[in-house]
């Protein structure tokens, strides 16, 4: 049989080993917790920032100097778009379908409706276009169309799944030149009915 003092001495190292084992686990837990917090901060910051590699389609805006070169006979047509919703929203396939209202406002003495309504969308296909809803005030014509069009974009996936995307909708009229007619847009010319997006996505800013 061992004496009590001998048992205490022999038991002491095991006690110290257990003590240091607990301290080691505690340090690992602290470091792991700090790492998790750091990663959460990094991912939280990334989620709040808009980060995309999508390239904007080339578009040359018409500035004051360009307007001077066009001359006084260029017809200015105010236009806008109100997106009601997206019947199809497949980011992975770069395929979208847009249900929207397109409107135009112009001087009927300067431009005829048959020309204005021949609008189209770059990289898009018209699925539905309603008859025009027209309101005439003097020589001023306001017309709007309910449209559904499909849109193919050139989204980039270099940082999948941590990237954001920008959808570019480009409307054009291929039957006139800029010397004959230009579109005029303002800050409120592009609107979205609801900020609610398909699952997994949030709509950000709008610009035109």
N, C-alpha and C. Protein backbone atom coordinates (compact mmCIF):
# COMPACT_ATOMS: atom_id res chain seq x y z
N UNK A 1 0.83 -1.19 0.00
CA UNK A 1 0.00 0.00 0.00
C UNK A 1 0.87 1.24 0.00
N UNK A 2 0.39 2.34 -0.67
CA UNK A 2 1.14 3.58 -0.73
C UNK A 2 0.66 4.49 0.37
N UNK A 3 1.58 5.28 0.86
CA UNK A 3 1.21 6.24 1.90
C UNK A 3 0.43 7.37 1.28
N UNK A 4 -0.30 8.13 2.12
CA UNK A 4 -1.09 9.27 1.65
C UNK A 4 -0.22 10.32 1.02
N UNK A 5 0.96 10.56 1.61
CA UNK A 5 1.86 11.58 1.06
C UNK A 5 2.39 11.15 -0.29
N UNK A 6 2.71 9.83 -0.41
CA UNK A 6 3.21 9.33 -1.69
C UNK A 6 2.14 9.45 -2.77
N UNK A 7 0.89 9.15 -2.42
CA UNK A 7 -0.20 9.27 -3.39
C UNK A 7 -0.40 10.70 -3.81
N UNK A 8 -0.27 11.61 -2.87
CA UNK A 8 -0.44 13.03 -3.21
C UNK A 8 0.65 13.50 -4.14
N UNK A 9 1.88 13.07 -3.88
CA UNK A 9 3.01 13.49 -4.73
C UNK A 9 2.86 12.91 -6.13
N UNK A 10 2.52 11.58 -6.15
CA UNK A 10 2.38 10.96 -7.46
C UNK A 10 1.17 11.51 -8.21
N UNK A 11 0.15 11.94 -7.50
CA UNK A 11 -1.04 12.45 -8.17
C UNK A 11 -0.89 13.88 -8.64
N UNK A 12 0.09 14.60 -8.10
CA UNK A 12 0.24 16.02 -8.43
C UNK A 12 0.51 16.26 -9.91
N UNK A 13 1.43 15.55 -10.53
CA UNK A 13 1.68 15.82 -11.96
C UNK A 13 0.44 15.65 -12.81
N UNK A 14 -0.36 14.58 -12.52
CA UNK A 14 -1.59 14.40 -13.31
C UNK A 14 -2.52 15.59 -13.13
N UNK A 15 -2.58 16.09 -11.92
CA UNK A 15 -3.41 17.27 -11.67
C UNK A 15 -2.92 18.47 -12.45
N UNK A 16 -1.65 18.69 -12.49
CA UNK A 16 -1.10 19.80 -13.26
C UNK A 16 -1.33 19.59 -14.76
N UNK A 17 -1.20 18.36 -15.19
CA UNK A 17 -1.45 18.10 -16.61
C UNK A 17 -2.89 18.44 -16.98
N UNK A 18 -3.79 18.05 -16.12
CA UNK A 18 -5.18 18.38 -16.38
C UNK A 18 -5.37 19.89 -16.37
N UNK A 19 -4.71 20.55 -15.49
CA UNK A 19 -4.81 22.02 -15.41
C UNK A 19 -4.33 22.66 -16.71
N UNK A 20 -3.17 22.24 -17.19
CA UNK A 20 -2.64 22.82 -18.42
C UNK A 20 -3.47 22.40 -19.63
N UNK A 21 -4.03 21.22 -19.63
CA UNK A 21 -4.90 20.81 -20.72
C UNK A 21 -6.11 21.73 -20.81
N UNK A 22 -6.68 22.09 -19.70
CA UNK A 22 -7.84 22.98 -19.67
C UNK A 22 -7.45 24.36 -20.17
N UNK A 23 -6.33 24.86 -19.74
CA UNK A 23 -5.88 26.18 -20.20
C UNK A 23 -5.66 26.18 -21.71
N UNK A 24 -5.09 25.11 -22.25
CA UNK A 24 -4.83 25.02 -23.68
C UNK A 24 -6.13 25.03 -24.47
N UNK A 25 -7.11 24.30 -24.02
CA UNK A 25 -8.41 24.29 -24.67
C UNK A 25 -9.05 25.66 -24.61
N UNK A 26 -8.90 26.33 -23.50
CA UNK A 26 -9.47 27.66 -23.35
C UNK A 26 -8.84 28.64 -24.34
N UNK A 27 -7.53 28.57 -24.51
CA UNK A 27 -6.84 29.45 -25.46
C UNK A 27 -7.29 29.16 -26.88
N UNK A 28 -7.41 27.88 -27.21
CA UNK A 28 -7.88 27.52 -28.54
C UNK A 28 -9.29 28.02 -28.78
N UNK A 29 -10.13 27.87 -27.75
CA UNK A 29 -11.50 28.35 -27.89
C UNK A 29 -11.56 29.85 -28.08
N UNK A 30 -10.70 30.57 -27.33
CA UNK A 30 -10.66 32.03 -27.47
C UNK A 30 -10.21 32.44 -28.87
N UNK A 31 -9.14 31.79 -29.36
CA UNK A 31 -8.65 32.10 -30.70
C UNK A 31 -9.68 31.76 -31.76
N UNK A 32 -10.34 30.62 -31.59
CA UNK A 32 -11.37 30.22 -32.55
C UNK A 32 -12.53 31.21 -32.54
N UNK A 33 -12.92 31.64 -31.34
CA UNK A 33 -14.00 32.63 -31.24
C UNK A 33 -13.62 33.94 -31.90
N UNK A 34 -12.38 34.39 -31.67
CA UNK A 34 -11.91 35.63 -32.29
C UNK A 34 -11.88 35.50 -33.81
N UNK A 35 -11.48 34.32 -34.30
CA UNK A 35 -11.45 34.09 -35.74
C UNK A 35 -12.85 34.14 -36.33
N UNK A 36 -13.80 33.52 -35.63
CA UNK A 36 -15.18 33.53 -36.10
C UNK A 36 -15.72 34.95 -36.15
N UNK A 37 -15.45 35.72 -35.10
CA UNK A 37 -15.91 37.12 -35.06
C UNK A 37 -15.28 37.92 -36.19
N UNK A 38 -13.99 37.69 -36.44
CA UNK A 38 -13.30 38.39 -37.52
C UNK A 38 -13.91 38.06 -38.87
N UNK A 39 -14.19 36.76 -39.08
CA UNK A 39 -14.80 36.35 -40.35
C UNK A 39 -16.20 36.92 -40.49
N UNK A 40 -16.95 36.97 -39.40
CA UNK A 40 -18.29 37.55 -39.46
C UNK A 40 -18.23 39.03 -39.82
N UNK A 41 -17.24 39.73 -39.26
CA UNK A 41 -17.07 41.15 -39.58
C UNK A 41 -16.72 41.32 -41.06
N UNK A 42 -15.81 40.50 -41.56
CA UNK A 42 -15.41 40.58 -42.96
C UNK A 42 -16.58 40.27 -43.89
N UNK A 43 -17.30 39.19 -43.59
CA UNK A 43 -18.44 38.83 -44.44
C UNK A 43 -19.57 39.85 -44.31
N UNK A 44 -19.77 40.39 -43.10
CA UNK A 44 -20.79 41.42 -42.93
C UNK A 44 -20.47 42.66 -43.74
N UNK A 45 -19.19 43.04 -43.73
CA UNK A 45 -18.77 44.20 -44.53
C UNK A 45 -18.96 43.93 -46.02
N UNK A 46 -18.60 42.70 -46.45
CA UNK A 46 -18.74 42.34 -47.87
C UNK A 46 -20.20 42.34 -48.29
N UNK A 47 -21.07 41.90 -47.40
CA UNK A 47 -22.50 41.86 -47.74
C UNK A 47 -23.08 43.25 -47.87
N UNK A 48 -22.54 44.20 -47.11
CA UNK A 48 -23.07 45.57 -47.16
C UNK A 48 -22.54 46.35 -48.35
N UNK A 49 -21.41 45.93 -48.91
CA UNK A 49 -20.79 46.65 -50.01
C UNK A 49 -21.25 46.07 -51.35
N UNK A 50 -21.46 46.96 -52.31
CA UNK A 50 -21.80 46.49 -53.66
C UNK A 50 -20.51 46.19 -54.40
N UNK A 51 -20.34 44.95 -54.82
CA UNK A 51 -19.09 44.52 -55.44
C UNK A 51 -19.41 43.69 -56.68
N UNK A 52 -19.09 44.23 -57.85
CA UNK A 52 -19.40 43.53 -59.09
C UNK A 52 -18.28 43.70 -60.11
N UNK A 53 -18.15 42.71 -60.97
CA UNK A 53 -17.22 42.80 -62.09
C UNK A 53 -17.97 42.93 -63.41
N UNK A 54 -19.29 43.09 -63.33
CA UNK A 54 -20.09 43.25 -64.55
C UNK A 54 -19.72 44.54 -65.26
N UNK A 55 -19.52 44.44 -66.57
CA UNK A 55 -19.12 45.59 -67.37
C UNK A 55 -20.36 46.28 -67.92
N UNK A 56 -20.41 47.61 -67.78
CA UNK A 56 -21.54 48.36 -68.31
C UNK A 56 -21.45 48.43 -69.83
N UNK A 57 -22.58 48.26 -70.52
CA UNK A 57 -22.57 48.38 -71.99
C UNK A 57 -22.16 49.79 -72.40
N UNK A 58 -21.49 49.93 -73.54
CA UNK A 58 -21.05 51.26 -73.98
C UNK A 58 -22.24 52.14 -74.33
N UNK A 59 -22.25 53.33 -73.80
CA UNK A 59 -23.31 54.29 -74.07
C UNK A 59 -22.73 55.69 -73.94
N UNK A 60 -22.86 56.47 -74.99
CA UNK A 60 -22.33 57.83 -74.97
C UNK A 60 -23.46 58.80 -74.65
N UNK A 61 -23.45 59.38 -73.45
CA UNK A 61 -24.52 60.32 -73.11
C UNK A 61 -24.42 61.60 -73.93
N UNK A 62 -25.54 62.23 -74.14
CA UNK A 62 -25.58 63.47 -74.92
C UNK A 62 -25.44 64.65 -73.97
N UNK A 63 -24.33 65.34 -74.05
CA UNK A 63 -24.08 66.47 -73.18
C UNK A 63 -24.42 67.79 -73.90
N UNK A 64 -24.14 68.88 -73.23
CA UNK A 64 -24.48 70.19 -73.78
C UNK A 64 -23.79 70.44 -75.11
N UNK A 65 -22.53 70.06 -75.21
CA UNK A 65 -21.77 70.28 -76.44
C UNK A 65 -22.36 69.47 -77.59
N UNK A 66 -22.76 68.24 -77.31
CA UNK A 66 -23.37 67.41 -78.35
C UNK A 66 -24.70 68.00 -78.81
N UNK A 67 -25.46 68.56 -77.87
CA UNK A 67 -26.73 69.18 -78.23
C UNK A 67 -26.53 70.37 -79.17
N UNK A 68 -25.46 71.14 -78.93
CA UNK A 68 -25.17 72.28 -79.80
C UNK A 68 -24.85 71.82 -81.22
N UNK A 69 -24.14 70.70 -81.33
CA UNK A 69 -23.79 70.19 -82.65
C UNK A 69 -25.00 69.63 -83.40
N UNK A 70 -25.97 69.13 -82.66
CA UNK A 70 -27.17 68.57 -83.29
C UNK A 70 -28.05 69.65 -83.89
N UNK A 71 -28.09 70.78 -83.26
CA UNK A 71 -28.91 71.86 -83.81
C UNK A 71 -30.29 71.90 -83.20
N UNK A 72 -31.08 72.89 -83.60
CA UNK A 72 -32.38 73.13 -82.97
C UNK A 72 -33.50 72.21 -83.46
N UNK A 73 -33.25 71.41 -84.48
CA UNK A 73 -34.32 70.59 -85.05
C UNK A 73 -34.38 69.17 -84.47
N UNK A 74 -33.47 68.86 -83.57
CA UNK A 74 -33.51 67.54 -82.92
C UNK A 74 -34.68 67.50 -81.95
N UNK A 75 -35.56 66.54 -82.11
CA UNK A 75 -36.76 66.43 -81.27
C UNK A 75 -36.39 65.73 -79.96
N UNK A 76 -36.79 66.33 -78.85
CA UNK A 76 -36.54 65.76 -77.53
C UNK A 76 -37.79 65.01 -77.06
N UNK A 77 -37.63 63.75 -76.78
CA UNK A 77 -38.74 62.90 -76.33
C UNK A 77 -38.46 62.44 -74.91
N UNK A 78 -39.27 62.90 -73.97
CA UNK A 78 -39.13 62.44 -72.59
C UNK A 78 -39.59 61.00 -72.50
N UNK A 79 -38.88 60.21 -71.73
CA UNK A 79 -39.24 58.80 -71.62
C UNK A 79 -38.92 58.26 -70.23
N UNK A 80 -39.61 57.21 -69.86
CA UNK A 80 -39.38 56.60 -68.56
C UNK A 80 -39.86 55.16 -68.53
N UNK A 81 -39.45 54.45 -67.48
CA UNK A 81 -39.82 53.05 -67.32
C UNK A 81 -40.22 52.79 -65.87
N UNK A 82 -41.31 52.06 -65.69
CA UNK A 82 -41.79 51.66 -64.38
C UNK A 82 -41.88 50.14 -64.36
N UNK A 83 -40.96 49.49 -63.63
CA UNK A 83 -40.94 48.03 -63.59
C UNK A 83 -41.91 47.53 -62.53
N UNK A 84 -42.87 46.72 -62.96
CA UNK A 84 -43.86 46.16 -62.03
C UNK A 84 -43.30 44.92 -61.31
N UNK A 85 -42.73 44.00 -62.06
CA UNK A 85 -42.08 42.85 -61.44
C UNK A 85 -41.30 42.07 -62.50
N UNK A 86 -40.61 41.02 -62.04
CA UNK A 86 -39.82 40.16 -62.92
C UNK A 86 -40.45 38.76 -62.94
N UNK A 87 -41.23 38.45 -63.98
CA UNK A 87 -41.80 37.09 -64.07
C UNK A 87 -40.73 36.00 -64.11
N UNK A 88 -39.59 36.31 -64.72
CA UNK A 88 -38.46 35.38 -64.76
C UNK A 88 -37.23 36.10 -64.24
N UNK A 89 -36.53 35.48 -63.27
CA UNK A 89 -35.35 36.11 -62.69
C UNK A 89 -34.33 35.00 -62.42
N UNK A 90 -33.59 34.61 -63.46
CA UNK A 90 -32.63 33.51 -63.38
C UNK A 90 -31.22 34.06 -63.58
N UNK A 91 -30.60 34.42 -62.48
CA UNK A 91 -29.27 35.05 -62.54
C UNK A 91 -28.24 34.08 -63.11
N UNK A 92 -28.29 32.82 -62.70
CA UNK A 92 -27.29 31.85 -63.14
C UNK A 92 -27.32 31.62 -64.65
N UNK A 93 -28.49 31.85 -65.27
CA UNK A 93 -28.63 31.68 -66.72
C UNK A 93 -28.58 33.00 -67.47
N UNK A 94 -28.35 34.11 -66.76
CA UNK A 94 -28.34 35.43 -67.39
C UNK A 94 -29.64 35.69 -68.17
N UNK A 95 -30.74 35.23 -67.62
CA UNK A 95 -32.02 35.36 -68.29
C UNK A 95 -33.03 36.02 -67.37
N UNK A 96 -33.68 37.07 -67.89
CA UNK A 96 -34.66 37.81 -67.09
C UNK A 96 -35.85 38.17 -67.97
N UNK A 97 -37.00 38.24 -67.36
CA UNK A 97 -38.19 38.73 -68.03
C UNK A 97 -38.75 39.88 -67.21
N UNK A 98 -39.03 40.99 -67.88
CA UNK A 98 -39.43 42.22 -67.21
C UNK A 98 -40.85 42.60 -67.60
N UNK A 99 -41.67 42.84 -66.61
CA UNK A 99 -43.04 43.33 -66.82
C UNK A 99 -43.04 44.80 -66.42
N UNK A 100 -43.24 45.70 -67.39
CA UNK A 100 -43.03 47.12 -67.11
C UNK A 100 -44.00 48.00 -67.90
N UNK A 101 -43.98 49.26 -67.53
CA UNK A 101 -44.71 50.31 -68.25
C UNK A 101 -43.66 51.25 -68.85
N UNK A 102 -43.75 51.48 -70.15
CA UNK A 102 -42.88 52.43 -70.84
C UNK A 102 -43.73 53.63 -71.25
N UNK A 103 -43.24 54.83 -70.96
CA UNK A 103 -44.00 56.02 -71.34
C UNK A 103 -43.14 57.02 -72.10
N UNK A 104 -43.80 57.81 -72.95
CA UNK A 104 -43.14 58.85 -73.73
C UNK A 104 -43.99 60.12 -73.67
N UNK A 105 -43.31 61.24 -73.74
CA UNK A 105 -44.00 62.54 -73.79
C UNK A 105 -43.26 63.42 -74.79
N UNK A 106 -44.00 63.98 -75.77
CA UNK A 106 -43.34 64.74 -76.83
C UNK A 106 -44.34 65.67 -77.50
N UNK A 107 -43.81 66.54 -78.34
CA UNK A 107 -44.62 67.47 -79.10
C UNK A 107 -45.09 66.79 -80.38
N UNK A 108 -46.40 66.65 -80.53
CA UNK A 108 -46.94 65.97 -81.69
C UNK A 108 -46.70 66.69 -83.00
N UNK A 109 -46.41 68.00 -82.95
CA UNK A 109 -46.10 68.74 -84.17
C UNK A 109 -44.68 68.47 -84.65
N UNK A 110 -43.84 67.95 -83.75
CA UNK A 110 -42.44 67.73 -84.10
C UNK A 110 -42.13 66.26 -84.41
N UNK A 111 -42.89 65.36 -83.84
CA UNK A 111 -42.61 63.93 -84.03
C UNK A 111 -43.94 63.18 -84.03
N UNK A 112 -44.03 62.17 -84.88
CA UNK A 112 -45.28 61.40 -84.95
C UNK A 112 -45.18 60.14 -84.09
N UNK A 113 -46.32 59.68 -83.64
CA UNK A 113 -46.40 58.54 -82.72
C UNK A 113 -45.87 57.26 -83.37
N UNK A 114 -46.11 57.09 -84.67
CA UNK A 114 -45.66 55.87 -85.35
C UNK A 114 -44.15 55.67 -85.22
N UNK A 115 -43.41 56.77 -85.21
CA UNK A 115 -41.96 56.67 -85.07
C UNK A 115 -41.56 56.40 -83.63
N UNK A 116 -42.17 57.10 -82.70
CA UNK A 116 -41.81 56.97 -81.28
C UNK A 116 -42.04 55.55 -80.78
N UNK A 117 -43.14 54.94 -81.20
CA UNK A 117 -43.50 53.64 -80.64
C UNK A 117 -42.69 52.48 -81.22
N UNK A 118 -41.77 52.77 -82.10
CA UNK A 118 -40.93 51.70 -82.68
C UNK A 118 -39.67 51.48 -81.84
N UNK A 119 -39.84 51.53 -80.54
CA UNK A 119 -38.70 51.32 -79.64
C UNK A 119 -38.44 49.82 -79.47
N UNK A 120 -37.22 49.51 -79.04
CA UNK A 120 -36.83 48.12 -78.80
C UNK A 120 -35.81 48.10 -77.67
N UNK A 121 -35.38 46.91 -77.31
CA UNK A 121 -34.41 46.76 -76.23
C UNK A 121 -33.19 46.01 -76.74
N UNK A 122 -32.01 46.57 -76.49
CA UNK A 122 -30.78 45.89 -76.87
C UNK A 122 -30.66 44.59 -76.07
N UNK A 123 -30.25 43.53 -76.73
CA UNK A 123 -30.12 42.19 -76.12
C UNK A 123 -31.44 41.72 -75.52
N UNK A 124 -32.54 42.23 -76.07
CA UNK A 124 -33.85 41.85 -75.54
C UNK A 124 -34.82 41.46 -76.63
N UNK A 125 -35.89 40.83 -76.22
CA UNK A 125 -36.92 40.42 -77.16
C UNK A 125 -38.29 40.77 -76.58
N UNK A 126 -39.10 41.45 -77.36
CA UNK A 126 -40.43 41.84 -76.90
C UNK A 126 -41.35 40.62 -76.87
N UNK A 127 -41.93 40.36 -75.71
CA UNK A 127 -42.87 39.25 -75.56
C UNK A 127 -44.30 39.75 -75.72
N UNK A 128 -44.57 40.92 -75.18
CA UNK A 128 -45.92 41.50 -75.25
C UNK A 128 -45.81 43.02 -75.25
N UNK A 129 -46.66 43.64 -76.06
CA UNK A 129 -46.73 45.09 -76.12
C UNK A 129 -48.19 45.49 -76.31
N UNK A 130 -48.72 46.24 -75.36
CA UNK A 130 -50.13 46.61 -75.40
C UNK A 130 -50.35 47.73 -76.42
N UNK A 131 -51.60 47.92 -76.84
CA UNK A 131 -51.92 49.11 -77.65
C UNK A 131 -51.61 50.36 -76.83
N UNK A 132 -51.30 51.46 -77.50
CA UNK A 132 -50.93 52.68 -76.76
C UNK A 132 -52.11 53.29 -76.01
N UNK A 133 -51.81 53.78 -74.82
CA UNK A 133 -52.77 54.59 -74.06
C UNK A 133 -52.33 56.04 -74.22
N UNK A 134 -53.14 56.84 -74.92
CA UNK A 134 -52.72 58.17 -75.35
C UNK A 134 -53.52 59.25 -74.64
N UNK A 135 -52.79 60.29 -74.22
CA UNK A 135 -53.43 61.48 -73.65
C UNK A 135 -52.86 62.70 -74.39
N UNK A 136 -53.74 63.49 -74.98
CA UNK A 136 -53.32 64.65 -75.76
C UNK A 136 -53.76 65.93 -75.06
N UNK A 137 -52.80 66.82 -74.87
CA UNK A 137 -53.07 68.14 -74.29
C UNK A 137 -52.48 69.18 -75.23
N UNK A 138 -53.33 69.80 -76.04
CA UNK A 138 -52.82 70.73 -77.05
C UNK A 138 -51.99 69.96 -78.06
N UNK A 139 -50.73 70.38 -78.20
CA UNK A 139 -49.81 69.66 -79.10
C UNK A 139 -48.99 68.61 -78.34
N UNK A 140 -49.14 68.57 -77.02
CA UNK A 140 -48.36 67.63 -76.22
C UNK A 140 -49.03 66.26 -76.21
N UNK A 141 -48.24 65.23 -76.45
CA UNK A 141 -48.74 63.86 -76.46
C UNK A 141 -48.03 63.06 -75.37
N UNK A 142 -48.84 62.42 -74.54
CA UNK A 142 -48.31 61.48 -73.54
C UNK A 142 -48.86 60.11 -73.88
N UNK A 143 -47.96 59.14 -74.04
CA UNK A 143 -48.38 57.80 -74.42
C UNK A 143 -47.63 56.79 -73.57
N UNK A 144 -48.33 55.72 -73.23
CA UNK A 144 -47.67 54.67 -72.45
C UNK A 144 -48.07 53.30 -72.97
N UNK A 145 -47.18 52.33 -72.71
CA UNK A 145 -47.39 50.95 -73.15
C UNK A 145 -47.10 50.00 -71.99
N UNK A 146 -47.91 48.99 -71.86
CA UNK A 146 -47.59 47.88 -70.97
C UNK A 146 -46.80 46.86 -71.79
N UNK A 147 -45.62 46.52 -71.32
CA UNK A 147 -44.76 45.63 -72.09
C UNK A 147 -44.22 44.52 -71.19
N UNK A 148 -43.93 43.40 -71.82
CA UNK A 148 -43.17 42.31 -71.21
C UNK A 148 -42.06 41.96 -72.18
N UNK A 149 -40.83 42.03 -71.72
CA UNK A 149 -39.71 41.70 -72.62
C UNK A 149 -38.69 40.83 -71.90
N UNK A 150 -38.03 39.99 -72.69
CA UNK A 150 -36.97 39.14 -72.18
C UNK A 150 -35.64 39.84 -72.36
N UNK A 151 -34.75 39.61 -71.41
CA UNK A 151 -33.46 40.31 -71.41
C UNK A 151 -32.34 39.33 -71.19
N UNK A 152 -31.36 39.37 -72.09
CA UNK A 152 -30.13 38.59 -71.92
C UNK A 152 -29.01 39.54 -71.53
N UNK A 153 -28.32 39.22 -70.46
CA UNK A 153 -27.25 40.10 -69.99
C UNK A 153 -25.91 39.38 -70.07
N UNK A 154 -24.86 40.10 -69.72
CA UNK A 154 -23.51 39.53 -69.75
C UNK A 154 -22.92 39.58 -68.34
N UNK A 155 -23.56 38.88 -67.41
CA UNK A 155 -23.10 38.87 -66.04
C UNK A 155 -21.80 38.09 -65.91
N UNK A 156 -20.96 38.53 -64.99
CA UNK A 156 -19.69 37.88 -64.73
C UNK A 156 -19.76 37.11 -63.41
N UNK A 157 -19.09 35.95 -63.37
CA UNK A 157 -19.14 35.12 -62.17
C UNK A 157 -17.72 34.78 -61.68
N UNK A 158 -16.81 35.74 -61.77
CA UNK A 158 -15.42 35.49 -61.39
C UNK A 158 -15.28 35.24 -59.89
N UNK A 159 -16.14 35.82 -59.09
CA UNK A 159 -16.04 35.71 -57.62
C UNK A 159 -17.21 34.95 -57.03
N UNK A 160 -17.85 34.14 -57.82
CA UNK A 160 -19.00 33.37 -57.34
C UNK A 160 -18.62 32.60 -56.07
N UNK A 161 -19.46 32.61 -55.03
CA UNK A 161 -20.81 33.21 -54.96
C UNK A 161 -20.85 34.52 -54.19
N UNK A 162 -19.73 35.25 -54.14
CA UNK A 162 -19.64 36.44 -53.31
C UNK A 162 -19.81 37.74 -54.08
N UNK A 163 -20.23 37.68 -55.34
CA UNK A 163 -20.32 38.90 -56.11
C UNK A 163 -21.76 39.39 -56.22
N UNK A 164 -21.88 40.68 -56.51
CA UNK A 164 -23.17 41.28 -56.82
C UNK A 164 -23.24 41.48 -58.33
N UNK A 165 -24.41 41.89 -58.81
CA UNK A 165 -24.57 42.05 -60.25
C UNK A 165 -25.33 43.32 -60.58
N UNK A 166 -25.11 43.80 -61.79
CA UNK A 166 -25.79 44.99 -62.29
C UNK A 166 -26.51 44.62 -63.58
N UNK A 167 -27.81 44.84 -63.62
CA UNK A 167 -28.59 44.56 -64.82
C UNK A 167 -28.74 45.84 -65.62
N UNK A 168 -28.32 45.81 -66.85
CA UNK A 168 -28.40 46.99 -67.71
C UNK A 168 -29.53 46.80 -68.72
N UNK A 169 -30.51 47.70 -68.68
CA UNK A 169 -31.62 47.67 -69.63
C UNK A 169 -31.44 48.85 -70.57
N UNK A 170 -31.19 48.58 -71.83
CA UNK A 170 -30.94 49.63 -72.80
C UNK A 170 -32.06 49.68 -73.83
N UNK A 171 -32.78 50.78 -73.87
CA UNK A 171 -33.85 50.98 -74.83
C UNK A 171 -33.36 51.85 -75.97
N UNK A 172 -33.76 51.51 -77.17
CA UNK A 172 -33.30 52.26 -78.34
C UNK A 172 -34.42 52.39 -79.35
N UNK A 173 -34.20 53.27 -80.30
CA UNK A 173 -35.09 53.39 -81.45
C UNK A 173 -34.20 53.39 -82.69
N UNK A 174 -34.25 52.27 -83.42
CA UNK A 174 -33.35 52.08 -84.55
C UNK A 174 -33.85 52.76 -85.83
N UNK A 175 -34.97 53.46 -85.77
CA UNK A 175 -35.57 54.04 -86.97
C UNK A 175 -35.35 55.55 -87.08
N UNK A 176 -34.58 56.09 -86.14
CA UNK A 176 -34.20 57.51 -86.20
C UNK A 176 -32.75 57.65 -85.81
N UNK A 177 -32.16 58.76 -86.17
CA UNK A 177 -30.79 59.07 -85.77
C UNK A 177 -30.84 60.07 -84.61
N UNK A 178 -29.74 60.23 -83.87
CA UNK A 178 -29.71 61.23 -82.81
C UNK A 178 -29.94 62.66 -83.32
N UNK A 179 -29.66 62.90 -84.58
CA UNK A 179 -29.93 64.22 -85.13
C UNK A 179 -31.44 64.47 -85.28
N UNK A 180 -32.20 63.39 -85.37
CA UNK A 180 -33.65 63.52 -85.54
C UNK A 180 -34.39 63.48 -84.20
N UNK A 181 -33.97 62.58 -83.31
CA UNK A 181 -34.68 62.41 -82.05
C UNK A 181 -33.75 61.89 -80.97
N UNK A 182 -33.90 62.40 -79.76
CA UNK A 182 -33.14 61.88 -78.62
C UNK A 182 -34.10 61.65 -77.45
N UNK A 183 -33.75 60.69 -76.61
CA UNK A 183 -34.51 60.44 -75.41
C UNK A 183 -34.01 61.34 -74.29
N UNK A 184 -34.92 61.91 -73.53
CA UNK A 184 -34.58 62.74 -72.37
C UNK A 184 -35.08 62.03 -71.12
N UNK A 185 -34.20 61.80 -70.15
CA UNK A 185 -34.58 61.11 -68.92
C UNK A 185 -34.18 61.95 -67.71
N UNK A 186 -34.87 61.71 -66.61
CA UNK A 186 -34.56 62.42 -65.37
C UNK A 186 -34.38 61.43 -64.24
N UNK A 187 -34.14 61.96 -63.04
CA UNK A 187 -33.89 61.12 -61.88
C UNK A 187 -35.06 60.20 -61.55
N UNK A 188 -36.27 60.65 -61.85
CA UNK A 188 -37.46 59.85 -61.55
C UNK A 188 -37.98 59.09 -62.77
N UNK A 189 -37.17 59.01 -63.81
CA UNK A 189 -37.61 58.35 -65.04
C UNK A 189 -37.56 56.83 -64.96
N UNK A 190 -36.90 56.29 -63.95
CA UNK A 190 -36.75 54.85 -63.80
C UNK A 190 -37.18 54.47 -62.40
N UNK A 191 -38.26 53.69 -62.29
CA UNK A 191 -38.80 53.33 -60.99
C UNK A 191 -39.08 51.84 -60.90
N UNK A 192 -39.05 51.35 -59.68
CA UNK A 192 -39.31 49.94 -59.40
C UNK A 192 -40.45 49.86 -58.41
N UNK A 193 -41.46 49.05 -58.73
CA UNK A 193 -42.66 49.00 -57.89
C UNK A 193 -42.34 48.50 -56.49
N UNK A 194 -41.55 47.45 -56.39
CA UNK A 194 -41.27 46.85 -55.09
C UNK A 194 -39.79 46.50 -54.99
N UNK A 195 -39.24 46.68 -53.79
CA UNK A 195 -37.85 46.30 -53.54
C UNK A 195 -37.72 44.81 -53.24
N UNK A 196 -38.84 44.10 -53.21
CA UNK A 196 -38.81 42.67 -52.92
C UNK A 196 -38.30 41.91 -54.14
N UNK A 197 -37.20 41.22 -53.97
CA UNK A 197 -36.58 40.49 -55.07
C UNK A 197 -36.74 38.99 -54.86
N UNK A 198 -36.47 38.20 -55.90
CA UNK A 198 -36.51 36.74 -55.72
C UNK A 198 -35.58 36.29 -54.61
N UNK A 199 -35.86 35.12 -54.06
CA UNK A 199 -35.12 34.62 -52.90
C UNK A 199 -33.61 34.65 -53.14
N UNK A 200 -32.89 35.13 -52.15
CA UNK A 200 -31.44 35.17 -52.23
C UNK A 200 -30.87 36.46 -52.78
N UNK A 201 -31.73 37.41 -53.20
CA UNK A 201 -31.27 38.64 -53.79
C UNK A 201 -31.98 39.84 -53.16
N UNK A 202 -31.27 40.96 -53.14
CA UNK A 202 -31.86 42.24 -52.72
C UNK A 202 -31.60 43.26 -53.79
N UNK A 203 -32.62 44.03 -54.13
CA UNK A 203 -32.43 45.09 -55.10
C UNK A 203 -31.71 46.27 -54.45
N UNK A 204 -30.75 46.84 -55.18
CA UNK A 204 -30.00 47.98 -54.68
C UNK A 204 -30.48 49.26 -55.30
N UNK A 205 -29.54 50.04 -55.79
CA UNK A 205 -29.86 51.35 -56.34
C UNK A 205 -30.35 51.25 -57.78
N UNK A 206 -31.08 52.28 -58.18
CA UNK A 206 -31.50 52.44 -59.57
C UNK A 206 -30.80 53.67 -60.13
N UNK A 207 -30.38 53.62 -61.36
CA UNK A 207 -29.79 54.79 -62.00
C UNK A 207 -30.16 54.76 -63.46
N UNK A 208 -30.19 55.94 -64.07
CA UNK A 208 -30.57 56.04 -65.47
C UNK A 208 -29.74 57.13 -66.13
